[in-house]
Amino acid sequence: MPAIAAAKKTHHDATIRLDYPLQAWVVVLGAALFFFYEFIQMTMFNVINPQLMQTFHVSAERLGNLSAMYFYANVIFLFPAGLLLDRFSTRKLISIAMAFCVASTYGFALSKQFDWLSLFRFVTGLGSSFCMLSCVRLASRWFPPRRVALVGGLVVTMAMLGGMMGQTPMTFLSAHLGWRHAVMVNATIGVLLLLIVWSVVRDYPRNLGRAHDEEQNKLHKMGFWESIRLALKNPQNWLAGIYTNLLSLPVIVLGAMWGGMYLSQSRHLSHDVASYVTSMIFLGTIFGSPAMGWLSDRIALRKLPMILGAVVSFVLVLVIMYNHHLSTGKLSVLFFLLAFVASTQVIAYPLVVESNSFAITSAAEGVTCTIIMMAGAIFQPLYGKLMDMNWQGKLSHGVHIYSPHAYLIAMWIMPIAFVVALIAALMLKETRCRDLVP
């Protein structure tokens, strides 16, 4: 234990990692390009939903299940991904994972049968299991603890830029080229980003080699199953995962899947305007993630911002649900504010780092991220199921048309989720931005 404590102290010494300040940013934000690309894949369904319904003649529930295949793969592979990232080269692992994602995106675009779509969507989710975990792992190696929340916020900002790319630009491409060619363009962009990731990402600073070796020795002595046990038994990992799972619903449910149809069918906006309003969720998260990370680091508190984020998100989503006379401008502002406030979810990542031994950082984050990604696996198909239960049989050019009442019932997922998130935040142990475990 003294050896790992010394290693951890050395590893967390700010002067060591800040010998390479520019390279640190290049490495972490370079790895975040994978996260950027994955968010395009995760959110593009919000745009191509109607075209997929027309092409494959499917209901909202089946479409929700197709999109959720991505998250099913995440749930299955995130924890193993964390264990691998603790033990092997981050650069090599994320490059291999991203190659799988790019190949499966090409496969998705070429698929003629719905079952093949599901398979390729699953493979994309498998590869994406490594994107956020790798960024957290690299940030913990290249930056001191006082910067990790801010860096994590900027990593999420990169992801949200990908989410925005999956909205209006994807709408333009699919309208002019069709959904298949739009997804092909998307896959080609992935090839270029993969080359950049391989070129700039490095596992750790050169002067951290000794600490890295000591970390690996600690893992070897600890043993594979003991590292799993330690990651699973820590309640902080579970509570942080539940909180982030539920606070991510504006992005997962509205931004990634159902926001466009909700706005076009329930609020009677055009598809272009609906995609613009939906993109405000990603814009709000782009600004909110670094802002909430910075605030948490600044006041040296994790719980308080998380509690306030859940409370204010609850209020904002009720305003969106029950004010039926909102203009496009007001809807845009509310979508932006909801995402901005819900960005307190990013604070969970540094909280988990601070609540676990450094040697099992990725395993602990794997537990948390597995719970987080259950949001898409559970709530995207649940939202579709609730809409289908209240569908009145109306169709337009092969697309299911749902009433405002059907959308209102489905939207109740979010306020209920925010109440549960508040309870989880209240149960967390405050770290005060310091390591609780040596």
Protein backbone atom coordinates (compact mmCIF):
# COMPACT_ATOMS: atom_id res chain seq x y z
CA MET A 1 0.00 0.00 0.00
CA PRO A 2 2.78 2.55 0.72
CA ALA A 3 4.21 1.85 -2.75
CA ILE A 4 0.96 2.57 -4.56
CA ALA A 5 0.30 5.60 -2.38
CA ALA A 6 3.70 6.95 -3.38
CA ALA A 7 3.01 6.12 -7.00
CA LYS A 8 -0.35 7.83 -6.84
CA LYS A 9 1.14 10.89 -5.19
CA THR A 10 3.80 11.04 -7.88
CA HIS A 11 1.22 10.50 -10.57
CA HIS A 12 -0.99 13.26 -9.28
CA ASP A 13 1.84 15.75 -8.94
CA ALA A 14 0.83 18.65 -11.18
CA THR A 15 4.41 19.57 -12.05
CA ILE A 16 5.02 16.18 -13.66
CA ARG A 17 2.16 16.27 -16.10
CA LEU A 18 2.32 19.96 -16.87
CA ASP A 19 5.82 19.54 -18.31
CA TYR A 20 3.89 18.91 -21.55
CA PRO A 21 0.87 21.27 -21.34
CA LEU A 22 0.26 21.58 -25.09
CA GLN A 23 0.75 17.88 -25.75
CA ALA A 24 -1.62 17.05 -22.89
CA TRP A 25 -4.42 18.97 -24.59
CA VAL A 26 -3.58 17.53 -28.02
CA VAL A 27 -3.62 13.97 -26.65
CA VAL A 28 -6.89 14.22 -24.72
CA LEU A 29 -8.81 16.29 -27.27
CA GLY A 30 -7.39 14.08 -30.03
CA ALA A 31 -8.85 11.05 -28.27
CA ALA A 32 -12.08 13.02 -27.85
CA LEU A 33 -12.44 13.02 -31.66
CA PHE A 34 -13.53 9.40 -31.25
CA PHE A 35 -16.21 10.60 -28.80
CA PHE A 36 -17.15 13.33 -31.30
CA TYR A 37 -17.57 10.74 -34.04
CA GLU A 38 -19.55 8.36 -31.84
CA PHE A 39 -22.05 11.06 -30.95
CA ILE A 40 -22.79 11.52 -34.64
CA GLN A 41 -23.66 7.81 -34.76
CA MET A 42 -25.66 7.95 -31.55
CA THR A 43 -27.75 10.98 -32.52
CA MET A 44 -28.29 10.59 -36.27
CA PHE A 45 -31.50 8.61 -35.67
CA ASN A 46 -33.17 11.85 -34.63
CA VAL A 47 -32.84 12.94 -38.27
CA ILE A 48 -33.27 9.70 -40.24
CA ASN A 49 -36.15 8.26 -38.15
CA PRO A 50 -38.90 9.08 -40.69
CA GLN A 51 -36.82 7.74 -43.62
CA LEU A 52 -36.07 4.51 -41.77
CA MET A 53 -39.79 4.13 -40.99
CA GLN A 54 -40.57 4.53 -44.69
CA THR A 55 -37.80 2.23 -45.94
CA PHE A 56 -38.37 -0.64 -43.51
CA HIS A 57 -42.05 -0.06 -42.56
CA VAL A 58 -41.46 -0.14 -38.79
CA SER A 59 -43.18 1.38 -35.74
CA ALA A 60 -41.71 3.72 -33.13
CA GLU A 61 -41.14 0.81 -30.76
CA ARG A 62 -39.12 -1.19 -33.32
CA LEU A 63 -37.17 1.91 -34.29
CA GLY A 64 -36.45 2.58 -30.62
CA ASN A 65 -35.19 -0.97 -30.23
CA LEU A 66 -32.95 -0.55 -33.30
CA SER A 67 -31.38 2.61 -31.91
CA ALA A 68 -31.02 0.96 -28.50
CA MET A 69 -28.86 -1.83 -29.97
CA TYR A 70 -26.02 0.71 -29.70
CA PHE A 71 -26.66 1.02 -25.97
CA TYR A 72 -27.15 -2.71 -25.42
CA ALA A 73 -23.61 -3.20 -26.73
CA ASN A 74 -22.39 -0.39 -24.47
CA VAL A 75 -23.94 -1.99 -21.41
CA ILE A 76 -22.36 -5.36 -22.21
CA PHE A 77 -18.87 -4.13 -23.14
CA LEU A 78 -18.22 -0.99 -21.07
CA PHE A 79 -17.00 -2.79 -17.97
CA PRO A 80 -14.68 -5.15 -19.94
CA ALA A 81 -13.46 -2.06 -21.82
CA GLY A 82 -12.52 -0.45 -18.50
CA LEU A 83 -10.57 -3.54 -17.44
CA LEU A 84 -8.71 -3.57 -20.77
CA LEU A 85 -7.87 0.14 -20.59
CA ASP A 86 -6.35 -0.36 -17.14
CA ARG A 87 -4.01 -3.02 -18.56
CA PHE A 88 -3.22 -2.26 -22.21
CA SER A 89 -2.31 0.63 -24.49
CA THR A 90 -5.09 3.23 -24.67
CA ARG A 91 -3.91 4.37 -28.09
CA LYS A 92 -4.06 0.90 -29.62
CA LEU A 93 -7.38 0.00 -28.03
CA ILE A 94 -9.26 3.11 -29.14
CA SER A 95 -7.81 2.88 -32.65
CA ILE A 96 -9.04 -0.71 -33.01
CA ALA A 97 -12.42 0.20 -31.51
CA MET A 98 -12.84 3.19 -33.81
CA ALA A 99 -11.97 1.04 -36.84
CA PHE A 100 -14.84 -1.29 -35.87
CA CYS A 101 -17.18 1.70 -35.60
CA VAL A 102 -16.25 3.06 -39.02
CA ALA A 103 -16.62 -0.35 -40.68
CA SER A 104 -20.01 -0.96 -39.07
CA THR A 105 -21.22 2.50 -40.15
CA TYR A 106 -20.45 1.59 -43.77
CA GLY A 107 -22.29 -1.69 -43.20
CA PHE A 108 -25.31 0.14 -41.78
CA ALA A 109 -25.53 2.35 -44.87
CA LEU A 110 -25.46 -0.65 -47.21
CA SER A 111 -27.89 -2.89 -45.28
CA LYS A 112 -31.03 -4.00 -47.11
CA GLN A 113 -32.61 -5.91 -44.21
CA PHE A 114 -33.66 -4.60 -40.81
CA ASP A 115 -31.85 -7.39 -38.95
CA TRP A 116 -28.55 -6.37 -40.56
CA LEU A 117 -29.17 -2.79 -39.43
CA SER A 118 -29.50 -4.09 -35.88
CA LEU A 119 -26.26 -6.07 -36.11
CA PHE A 120 -24.22 -3.15 -37.44
CA ARG A 121 -25.78 -0.81 -34.87
CA PHE A 122 -24.70 -3.26 -32.16
CA VAL A 123 -21.11 -3.38 -33.48
CA THR A 124 -20.97 0.42 -33.51
CA GLY A 125 -22.01 0.41 -29.86
CA LEU A 126 -19.36 -2.20 -29.07
CA GLY A 127 -16.61 0.02 -30.44
CA SER A 128 -17.99 3.13 -28.75
CA SER A 129 -17.60 1.46 -25.35
CA PHE A 130 -14.00 2.70 -25.35
CA CYS A 131 -14.48 6.36 -26.30
CA MET A 132 -15.40 8.11 -23.03
CA LEU A 133 -13.41 5.73 -20.81
CA SER A 134 -10.26 6.30 -22.85
CA CYS A 135 -10.64 10.08 -22.53
CA VAL A 136 -11.08 9.85 -18.75
CA ARG A 137 -8.08 7.52 -18.52
CA LEU A 138 -5.87 9.85 -20.56
CA ALA A 139 -7.06 12.95 -18.67
CA SER A 140 -6.16 11.32 -15.35
CA ARG A 141 -2.64 10.63 -16.68
CA TRP A 142 -1.95 13.92 -18.43
CA PHE A 143 -3.62 16.44 -16.08
CA PRO A 144 -3.54 17.14 -12.31
CA PRO A 145 -6.69 16.40 -10.25
CA ARG A 146 -7.75 20.05 -10.05
CA ARG A 147 -8.13 20.13 -13.84
CA VAL A 148 -9.90 16.81 -14.41
CA ALA A 149 -13.50 18.10 -14.13
CA LEU A 150 -12.78 20.95 -16.56
CA VAL A 151 -11.03 18.61 -18.99
CA GLY A 152 -13.89 16.13 -18.69
CA GLY A 153 -16.33 18.92 -19.46
CA LEU A 154 -14.39 19.85 -22.60
CA VAL A 155 -14.31 16.21 -23.68
CA VAL A 156 -18.11 16.10 -23.38
CA THR A 157 -18.21 19.37 -25.33
CA MET A 158 -16.41 17.60 -28.18
CA ALA A 159 -19.03 14.86 -28.06
CA MET A 160 -21.84 17.40 -28.20
CA LEU A 161 -20.28 19.02 -31.26
CA GLY A 162 -20.65 15.60 -32.82
CA GLY A 163 -24.26 15.59 -31.68
CA MET A 164 -24.82 18.90 -33.46
CA MET A 165 -23.19 17.49 -36.60
CA GLY A 166 -25.75 14.70 -36.42
CA GLN A 167 -28.62 17.21 -36.58
CA THR A 168 -28.82 20.06 -39.14
CA PRO A 169 -25.86 18.90 -41.33
CA MET A 170 -27.26 15.35 -41.31
CA THR A 171 -30.71 16.73 -42.16
CA PHE A 172 -29.21 18.54 -45.17
CA LEU A 173 -27.30 15.46 -46.37
CA SER A 174 -30.22 13.06 -45.95
CA ALA A 175 -32.61 15.46 -47.70
CA HIS A 176 -30.32 15.88 -50.72
CA LEU A 177 -28.59 12.50 -50.87
CA GLY A 178 -30.94 10.13 -49.04
CA TRP A 179 -30.22 8.52 -45.70
CA ARG A 180 -27.94 5.80 -47.09
CA HIS A 181 -25.53 8.19 -48.82
CA ALA A 182 -25.64 10.53 -45.83
CA VAL A 183 -24.48 7.69 -43.58
CA MET A 184 -21.76 6.80 -46.13
CA VAL A 185 -20.41 10.36 -45.92
CA ASN A 186 -20.52 10.01 -42.15
CA ALA A 187 -18.44 6.80 -42.32
CA THR A 188 -15.86 8.44 -44.59
CA ILE A 189 -15.41 11.26 -42.08
CA GLY A 190 -14.70 8.52 -39.53
CA VAL A 191 -11.75 7.24 -41.59
CA LEU A 192 -10.14 10.70 -41.53
CA LEU A 193 -10.71 11.10 -37.79
CA LEU A 194 -9.25 7.65 -37.12
CA LEU A 195 -6.00 8.69 -38.82
CA ILE A 196 -5.81 11.79 -36.62
CA VAL A 197 -6.48 9.82 -33.43
CA TRP A 198 -3.71 7.33 -34.22
CA SER A 199 -1.30 10.18 -35.03
CA VAL A 200 -1.72 12.32 -31.89
CA VAL A 201 -2.75 10.06 -28.98
CA ARG A 202 -0.04 8.84 -26.58
CA ASP A 203 -0.64 6.65 -23.54
CA TYR A 204 1.15 8.81 -20.93
CA PRO A 205 3.82 11.56 -20.62
CA ARG A 206 7.38 10.35 -21.10
CA ASN A 207 8.38 11.34 -17.57
CA LEU A 208 5.51 9.30 -16.14
CA GLY A 209 6.91 5.98 -17.30
CA ARG A 210 8.00 4.90 -13.82
CA ALA A 211 4.63 5.73 -12.26
CA HIS A 212 2.91 3.83 -15.07
CA ASP A 213 5.08 0.77 -14.39
CA GLU A 214 4.28 0.95 -10.66
CA GLU A 215 0.59 1.24 -11.50
CA GLN A 216 0.78 -1.91 -13.64
CA ASN A 217 2.67 -3.73 -10.87
CA LYS A 218 -0.07 -2.75 -8.43
CA LEU A 219 -2.71 -4.13 -10.79
CA HIS A 220 -0.73 -7.36 -11.19
CA LYS A 221 -0.41 -7.81 -7.42
CA MET A 222 -4.05 -6.88 -6.87
CA GLY A 223 -5.24 -9.47 -9.35
CA PHE A 224 -7.94 -9.34 -12.00
CA TRP A 225 -10.87 -10.40 -9.82
CA GLU A 226 -9.87 -8.17 -6.91
CA SER A 227 -9.89 -5.10 -9.16
CA ILE A 228 -13.39 -6.06 -10.31
CA ARG A 229 -14.53 -6.56 -6.72
CA LEU A 230 -13.18 -3.18 -5.61
CA ALA A 231 -14.84 -1.38 -8.53
CA LEU A 232 -18.20 -3.10 -7.99
CA LYS A 233 -18.40 -2.73 -4.22
CA ASN A 234 -17.93 1.05 -4.13
CA PRO A 235 -21.40 2.67 -3.81
CA GLN A 236 -20.02 5.95 -5.19
CA ASN A 237 -19.61 4.30 -8.60
CA TRP A 238 -23.22 3.09 -8.64
CA LEU A 239 -24.76 6.33 -7.39
CA ALA A 240 -22.73 8.45 -9.81
CA GLY A 241 -23.80 6.15 -12.64
CA ILE A 242 -27.49 6.38 -11.72
CA TYR A 243 -27.32 10.17 -11.47
CA THR A 244 -25.59 10.60 -14.83
CA ASN A 245 -27.84 8.02 -16.49
CA LEU A 246 -30.93 10.01 -15.56
CA LEU A 247 -29.51 13.51 -16.15
CA SER A 248 -28.44 12.42 -19.64
CA LEU A 249 -32.05 11.86 -20.79
CA PRO A 250 -32.43 15.24 -22.54
CA VAL A 251 -29.53 14.22 -24.80
CA ILE A 252 -30.37 10.50 -25.04
CA VAL A 253 -34.14 10.79 -25.50
CA LEU A 254 -34.68 14.18 -27.15
CA GLY A 255 -31.33 14.93 -28.77
CA ALA A 256 -30.45 11.46 -30.00
CA MET A 257 -33.81 9.95 -30.90
CA TRP A 258 -37.24 11.50 -30.41
CA GLY A 259 -36.81 15.29 -30.24
CA GLY A 260 -37.30 15.87 -33.96
CA MET A 261 -40.54 13.88 -34.16
CA TYR A 262 -41.82 15.42 -30.91
CA LEU A 263 -41.31 18.95 -32.22
CA SER A 264 -42.61 18.28 -35.74
CA GLN A 265 -45.70 16.28 -34.74
CA SER A 266 -46.62 17.69 -31.32
CA ARG A 267 -45.45 21.30 -31.82
CA HIS A 268 -46.03 21.36 -35.61
CA LEU A 269 -42.56 22.62 -36.55
CA SER A 270 -40.99 21.85 -39.92
CA HIS A 271 -38.26 19.20 -39.99
CA ASP A 272 -35.56 21.83 -40.55
CA VAL A 273 -36.76 23.99 -37.65
CA ALA A 274 -37.23 20.92 -35.43
CA SER A 275 -33.63 19.83 -36.07
CA TYR A 276 -32.46 23.37 -35.24
CA VAL A 277 -34.36 23.41 -31.93
CA THR A 278 -33.10 19.92 -31.09
CA SER A 279 -29.54 21.05 -31.77
CA MET A 280 -29.95 23.50 -28.87
CA ILE A 281 -29.69 20.48 -26.56
CA PHE A 282 -26.19 19.85 -27.85
CA LEU A 283 -25.29 23.54 -27.82
CA GLY A 284 -26.46 23.79 -24.21
CA THR A 285 -24.33 20.80 -23.27
CA ILE A 286 -21.35 22.24 -25.18
CA PHE A 287 -21.41 25.33 -22.96
CA GLY A 288 -22.76 23.63 -19.85
CA SER A 289 -20.24 20.79 -19.57
CA PRO A 290 -17.06 22.89 -19.19
CA ALA A 291 -18.99 25.49 -17.18
CA MET A 292 -20.24 22.93 -14.65
CA GLY A 293 -16.85 21.23 -14.54
CA TRP A 294 -15.13 24.57 -13.94
CA LEU A 295 -17.67 25.57 -11.27
CA SER A 296 -17.27 22.28 -9.41
CA ASP A 297 -13.47 22.59 -9.48
CA ARG A 298 -13.68 26.26 -8.47
CA ILE A 299 -15.85 25.75 -5.37
CA ALA A 300 -14.16 22.39 -4.60
CA LEU A 301 -17.54 20.66 -4.28
CA ARG A 302 -19.15 17.87 -6.29
CA LYS A 303 -22.54 17.19 -4.62
CA LEU A 304 -24.04 20.69 -4.48
CA PRO A 305 -23.93 21.40 -8.23
CA MET A 306 -25.28 17.89 -8.91
CA ILE A 307 -28.22 18.42 -6.55
CA LEU A 308 -29.07 21.82 -8.04
CA GLY A 309 -28.78 20.40 -11.56
CA ALA A 310 -31.41 17.74 -10.86
CA VAL A 311 -33.83 20.22 -9.24
CA VAL A 312 -33.64 22.88 -11.98
CA SER A 313 -33.83 20.25 -14.75
CA PHE A 314 -37.07 18.97 -13.20
CA VAL A 315 -38.60 22.46 -13.32
CA LEU A 316 -37.47 23.21 -16.87
CA VAL A 317 -38.78 19.99 -18.40
CA LEU A 318 -42.22 20.56 -16.83
CA VAL A 319 -42.31 24.03 -18.42
CA ILE A 320 -41.53 22.47 -21.81
CA MET A 321 -44.16 19.75 -21.37
CA TYR A 322 -47.08 21.86 -20.17
CA ASN A 323 -46.68 25.22 -21.91
CA HIS A 324 -48.27 24.45 -25.28
CA HIS A 325 -47.97 27.96 -26.71
CA LEU A 326 -44.21 28.37 -26.78
CA SER A 327 -42.70 30.08 -29.82
CA THR A 328 -39.79 28.53 -31.68
CA GLY A 329 -37.46 31.01 -29.99
CA LYS A 330 -38.71 30.15 -26.50
CA LEU A 331 -38.51 26.42 -27.21
CA SER A 332 -34.93 26.88 -28.38
CA VAL A 333 -34.01 28.77 -25.21
CA LEU A 334 -35.68 26.16 -22.98
CA PHE A 335 -33.98 23.26 -24.77
CA PHE A 336 -30.65 25.08 -24.38
CA LEU A 337 -31.21 25.79 -20.68
CA LEU A 338 -32.35 22.24 -19.93
CA ALA A 339 -29.19 20.82 -21.47
CA PHE A 340 -26.98 23.48 -19.85
CA VAL A 341 -28.29 22.71 -16.37
CA ALA A 342 -28.33 18.93 -16.87
CA SER A 343 -24.63 19.16 -17.73
CA THR A 344 -23.94 18.72 -14.01
CA GLN A 345 -23.83 15.05 -15.05
CA VAL A 346 -20.17 15.55 -16.12
CA ILE A 347 -19.18 16.08 -12.47
CA ALA A 348 -19.80 12.39 -11.83
CA TYR A 349 -16.70 11.39 -13.81
CA PRO A 350 -14.09 13.16 -11.63
CA LEU A 351 -16.07 12.15 -8.55
CA VAL A 352 -15.56 8.49 -9.48
CA VAL A 353 -11.84 9.06 -10.13
CA GLU A 354 -11.51 10.62 -6.66
CA SER A 355 -13.50 7.82 -5.00
CA ASN A 356 -11.34 4.90 -6.22
CA SER A 357 -7.75 3.72 -6.21
CA PHE A 358 -5.92 5.17 -9.21
CA ALA A 359 -4.93 1.67 -10.36
CA ILE A 360 -8.59 0.78 -11.05
CA THR A 361 -9.70 4.13 -12.51
CA SER A 362 -10.94 2.65 -15.79
CA ALA A 363 -12.62 -0.33 -14.09
CA ALA A 364 -14.47 2.05 -11.75
CA GLU A 365 -15.44 4.34 -14.62
CA GLY A 366 -16.52 1.20 -16.49
CA VAL A 367 -19.03 0.38 -13.74
CA THR A 368 -20.33 3.95 -13.82
CA CYS A 369 -20.48 4.20 -17.61
CA THR A 370 -22.25 0.84 -17.90
CA ILE A 371 -25.03 2.24 -15.73
CA ILE A 372 -25.01 5.51 -17.67
CA MET A 373 -25.42 3.83 -21.04
CA MET A 374 -28.40 1.87 -19.77
CA ALA A 375 -30.22 5.17 -20.31
CA GLY A 376 -30.34 4.61 -24.06
CA ALA A 377 -30.95 0.88 -23.73
CA ILE A 378 -33.95 1.44 -21.44
CA PHE A 379 -35.45 4.84 -22.20
CA GLN A 380 -35.27 5.12 -26.00
CA PRO A 381 -37.40 1.98 -26.56
CA LEU A 382 -39.56 2.80 -23.52
CA TYR A 383 -40.37 6.21 -24.99
CA GLY A 384 -41.33 4.53 -28.28
CA LYS A 385 -43.36 1.89 -26.44
CA LEU A 386 -45.34 4.55 -24.56
CA MET A 387 -46.07 6.37 -27.82
CA ASP A 388 -47.21 3.18 -29.57
CA MET A 389 -49.50 2.39 -26.61
CA ASN A 390 -51.25 5.72 -27.24
CA TRP A 391 -51.09 5.66 -31.05
CA GLN A 392 -54.45 6.16 -32.77
CA GLY A 393 -53.52 4.36 -36.00
CA LYS A 394 -52.76 7.47 -38.07
CA LEU A 395 -50.18 7.20 -40.89
CA SER A 396 -48.74 9.69 -43.37
CA HIS A 397 -46.58 8.35 -46.24
CA GLY A 398 -45.70 5.31 -44.14
CA VAL A 399 -44.70 7.37 -41.07
CA HIS A 400 -46.60 6.90 -37.80
CA ILE A 401 -48.29 10.09 -36.60
CA TYR A 402 -48.69 10.47 -32.83
CA SER A 403 -50.95 12.85 -30.91
CA PRO A 404 -49.65 15.52 -28.48
CA HIS A 405 -51.17 13.41 -25.68
CA ALA A 406 -49.05 10.40 -26.69
CA TYR A 407 -45.91 12.53 -26.57
CA LEU A 408 -46.91 14.02 -23.21
CA ILE A 409 -47.26 10.55 -21.66
CA ALA A 410 -43.85 9.53 -23.02
CA MET A 411 -42.21 12.78 -21.88
CA TRP A 412 -43.11 12.02 -18.24
CA ILE A 413 -40.08 9.72 -18.26
CA MET A 414 -37.86 12.76 -17.69
CA PRO A 415 -39.35 14.51 -14.63
CA ILE A 416 -39.64 11.16 -12.85
CA ALA A 417 -36.00 10.42 -13.74
CA PHE A 418 -34.83 13.78 -12.39
CA VAL A 419 -36.46 13.10 -9.01
CA VAL A 420 -34.62 9.77 -8.76
CA ALA A 421 -31.39 11.51 -9.81
CA LEU A 422 -31.84 14.00 -6.98
CA ILE A 423 -32.13 11.15 -4.47
CA ALA A 424 -28.94 9.57 -5.86
CA ALA A 425 -27.06 12.87 -5.58
CA LEU A 426 -28.15 13.32 -1.97
CA MET A 427 -26.78 9.86 -1.14
CA LEU A 428 -23.31 10.53 -2.60
CA LYS A 429 -20.31 11.17 -0.38
CA GLU A 430 -18.69 14.56 -1.01
CA THR A 431 -15.05 14.31 -2.17
CA ARG A 432 -14.24 18.05 -2.09
CA CYS A 433 -12.14 17.45 -5.22
CA ARG A 434 -9.65 15.31 -3.28
CA ASP A 435 -8.80 11.62 -3.52
CA LEU A 436 -10.73 9.58 -0.95
CA VAL A 437 -8.78 6.37 -1.66
CA PRO A 438 -4.96 6.15 -1.58
